[in-house]
Every structure is written in structure tokens, then in C-alpha cells.
């Protein structure tokens, strides 16, 4: 790089590892239970509102669930429910 900002530069983003929705929900649920919360109520609150404070930060659960899109979580839940 010659230090000139007149040329277009490209950056490669390292793709994040694809996380399993099922695994994330189990880990978040476990963290919520450890903190004394009802995981179903808290996760429904998060999915309906998008407010991450419904999920505890205990054991990184809040950061973990935010790696997923809420609509992807709902799709997976519906797919599981309708397929079984």
C-alpha cells in the first residue's frame, strides 16, 4: 500500500462461524435458569420485542443470542413444531 487514499481499497471480512440455533437456545435457557428466570417467558419477551435485556448476560447468553436473527429463531421453532 502506497499510502494514497485516491484508490479503491477492498477488505475481506472473515465470516463468523455458523452457530446452531438449537445449541444457542439450550445455552441461553440454561443461563436463564441459573439466574432464576423462567426461560420460556424471557425468550418470548426477547423474540417479541427484540429487547436483549430479556436475556441475562450471565455466561455470555445475551451476546450469544444476538448472534442469531430473531426471524431465524422463529423459523427454526416453527419448523421443529410443525415437523414433529
C-alpha atoms as a PDB file:
ATOM      1  CA  UNK A   1       0.000   0.000   0.000  1.00  0.00           C
ATOM      2  CA  UNK A   2       1.460   3.318  -1.054  1.00  0.00           C
ATOM      3  CA  UNK A   3      -0.432   5.491   1.448  1.00  0.00           C
ATOM      4  CA  UNK A   4      -2.732   7.053  -1.169  1.00  0.00           C
ATOM      5  CA  UNK A   5      -6.410   7.296  -0.378  1.00  0.00           C
ATOM      6  CA  UNK A   6      -7.326   8.009  -4.008  1.00  0.00           C
ATOM      7  CA  UNK A   7      -7.595   4.352  -4.903  1.00  0.00           C
ATOM      8  CA  UNK A   8     -10.372   1.931  -4.039  1.00  0.00           C
ATOM      9  CA  UNK A   9      -9.386  -0.492  -1.338  1.00  0.00           C
ATOM     10  CA  UNK A  10     -11.039  -3.790  -0.609  1.00  0.00           C
ATOM     11  CA  UNK A  11     -11.353  -5.506   2.727  1.00  0.00           C
ATOM     12  CA  UNK A  12     -12.181  -9.126   3.306  1.00  0.00           C
ATOM     13  CA  UNK A  13     -14.403  -9.883   6.236  1.00  0.00           C
ATOM     14  CA  UNK A  14     -13.805 -13.159   7.987  1.00  0.00           C
ATOM     15  CA  UNK A  15     -17.207 -14.875   8.107  1.00  0.00           C
ATOM     16  CA  UNK A  16     -18.423 -15.729  11.582  1.00  0.00           C
ATOM     17  CA  UNK A  17     -18.849 -19.368  12.390  1.00  0.00           C
ATOM     18  CA  UNK A  18     -22.420 -20.511  11.817  1.00  0.00           C
ATOM     19  CA  UNK A  19     -23.972 -21.163  15.192  1.00  0.00           C
ATOM     20  CA  UNK A  20     -26.608 -23.791  15.866  1.00  0.00           C
ATOM     21  CA  UNK A  21     -29.915 -22.223  16.841  1.00  0.00           C
ATOM     22  CA  UNK A  22     -30.726 -25.267  18.943  1.00  0.00           C
ATOM     23  CA  UNK A  23     -27.426 -25.062  20.826  1.00  0.00           C
ATOM     24  CA  UNK A  24     -27.791 -21.321  21.417  1.00  0.00           C
ATOM     25  CA  UNK A  25     -31.300 -21.773  22.813  1.00  0.00           C
ATOM     26  CA  UNK A  26     -30.129 -24.538  25.153  1.00  0.00           C
ATOM     27  CA  UNK A  27     -27.196 -22.470  26.426  1.00  0.00           C
ATOM     28  CA  UNK A  28     -29.277 -19.325  26.871  1.00  0.00           C
ATOM     29  CA  UNK A  29     -32.039 -21.307  28.586  1.00  0.00           C
ATOM     30  CA  UNK A  30     -29.523 -22.838  30.983  1.00  0.00           C
ATOM     31  CA  UNK A  31     -28.045 -19.419  31.827  1.00  0.00           C
ATOM     32  CA  UNK A  32     -31.533 -18.004  32.441  1.00  0.00           C
ATOM     33  CA  UNK A  33     -32.416 -20.926  34.745  1.00  0.00           C
ATOM     34  CA  UNK A  34     -29.171 -20.456  36.693  1.00  0.00           C
ATOM     35  CA  UNK A  35     -30.113 -16.846  37.339  1.00  0.00           C
ATOM     36  CA  UNK A  36     -33.629 -17.845  38.486  1.00  0.00           C
ATOM     37  CA  UNK A  37     -35.577 -16.715  35.426  1.00  0.00           C
ATOM     38  CA  UNK A  38     -38.273 -18.594  33.522  1.00  0.00           C
ATOM     39  CA  UNK A  39     -36.519 -19.225  30.166  1.00  0.00           C
ATOM     40  CA  UNK A  40     -39.749 -19.535  28.173  1.00  0.00           C
ATOM     41  CA  UNK A  41     -41.106 -16.188  29.386  1.00  0.00           C
ATOM     42  CA  UNK A  42     -37.781 -14.427  28.898  1.00  0.00           C
ATOM     43  CA  UNK A  43     -37.172 -15.820  25.416  1.00  0.00           C
ATOM     44  CA  UNK A  44     -40.719 -14.983  24.297  1.00  0.00           C
ATOM     45  CA  UNK A  45     -40.201 -11.444  25.577  1.00  0.00           C
ATOM     46  CA  UNK A  46     -36.960 -11.180  23.634  1.00  0.00           C
ATOM     47  CA  UNK A  47     -38.417 -12.632  20.425  1.00  0.00           C
ATOM     48  CA  UNK A  48     -41.499 -10.397  20.562  1.00  0.00           C
ATOM     49  CA  UNK A  49     -39.770  -7.148  21.469  1.00  0.00           C
ATOM     50  CA  UNK A  50     -36.194  -7.513  20.257  1.00  0.00           C
ATOM     51  CA  UNK A  51     -35.053  -6.125  23.593  1.00  0.00           C
ATOM     52  CA  UNK A  52     -31.865  -8.019  24.526  1.00  0.00           C
ATOM     53  CA  UNK A  53     -32.287  -7.188  28.225  1.00  0.00           C
ATOM     54  CA  UNK A  54     -34.805 -10.038  28.423  1.00  0.00           C
ATOM     55  CA  UNK A  55     -31.748 -12.314  28.233  1.00  0.00           C
ATOM     56  CA  UNK A  56     -29.227 -12.347  31.051  1.00  0.00           C
ATOM     57  CA  UNK A  57     -25.613 -11.519  30.335  1.00  0.00           C
ATOM     58  CA  UNK A  58     -24.671 -14.434  32.630  1.00  0.00           C
ATOM     59  CA  UNK A  59     -22.278 -16.804  30.811  1.00  0.00           C
ATOM     60  CA  UNK A  60     -22.407 -14.567  27.714  1.00  0.00           C
ATOM     61  CA  UNK A  61     -26.005 -15.587  26.959  1.00  0.00           C
ATOM     62  CA  UNK A  62     -27.037 -12.137  25.718  1.00  0.00           C
ATOM     63  CA  UNK A  63     -24.133 -11.907  23.298  1.00  0.00           C
ATOM     64  CA  UNK A  64     -24.754 -15.455  22.164  1.00  0.00           C
ATOM     65  CA  UNK A  65     -28.431 -14.955  21.326  1.00  0.00           C
ATOM     66  CA  UNK A  66     -27.661 -11.723  19.483  1.00  0.00           C
ATOM     67  CA  UNK A  67     -25.544 -13.708  17.005  1.00  0.00           C
ATOM     68  CA  UNK A  68     -28.835 -15.004  15.622  1.00  0.00           C
ATOM     69  CA  UNK A  69     -31.576 -13.129  13.821  1.00  0.00           C
ATOM     70  CA  UNK A  70     -34.895 -13.300  15.653  1.00  0.00           C
ATOM     71  CA  UNK A  71     -36.743 -14.328  12.493  1.00  0.00           C
ATOM     72  CA  UNK A  72     -34.313 -17.232  12.026  1.00  0.00           C
ATOM     73  CA  UNK A  73     -35.040 -18.411  15.564  1.00  0.00           C
ATOM     74  CA  UNK A  74     -38.788 -18.230  14.953  1.00  0.00           C
ATOM     75  CA  UNK A  75     -38.447 -20.105  11.650  1.00  0.00           C
ATOM     76  CA  UNK A  76     -36.499 -22.868  13.357  1.00  0.00           C
ATOM     77  CA  UNK A  77     -39.015 -23.137  16.192  1.00  0.00           C
ATOM     78  CA  UNK A  78     -41.950 -23.330  13.775  1.00  0.00           C
ATOM     79  CA  UNK A  79     -40.163 -25.822  11.548  1.00  0.00           C
ATOM     80  CA  UNK A  80     -39.460 -28.058  14.549  1.00  0.00           C
ATOM     81  CA  UNK A  81     -43.002 -27.733  15.887  1.00  0.00           C
ATOM     82  CA  UNK A  82     -44.669 -28.463  12.552  1.00  0.00           C
ATOM     83  CA  UNK A  83     -42.341 -31.330  11.631  1.00  0.00           C
ATOM     84  CA  UNK A  84     -42.841 -33.251  14.877  1.00  0.00           C
END
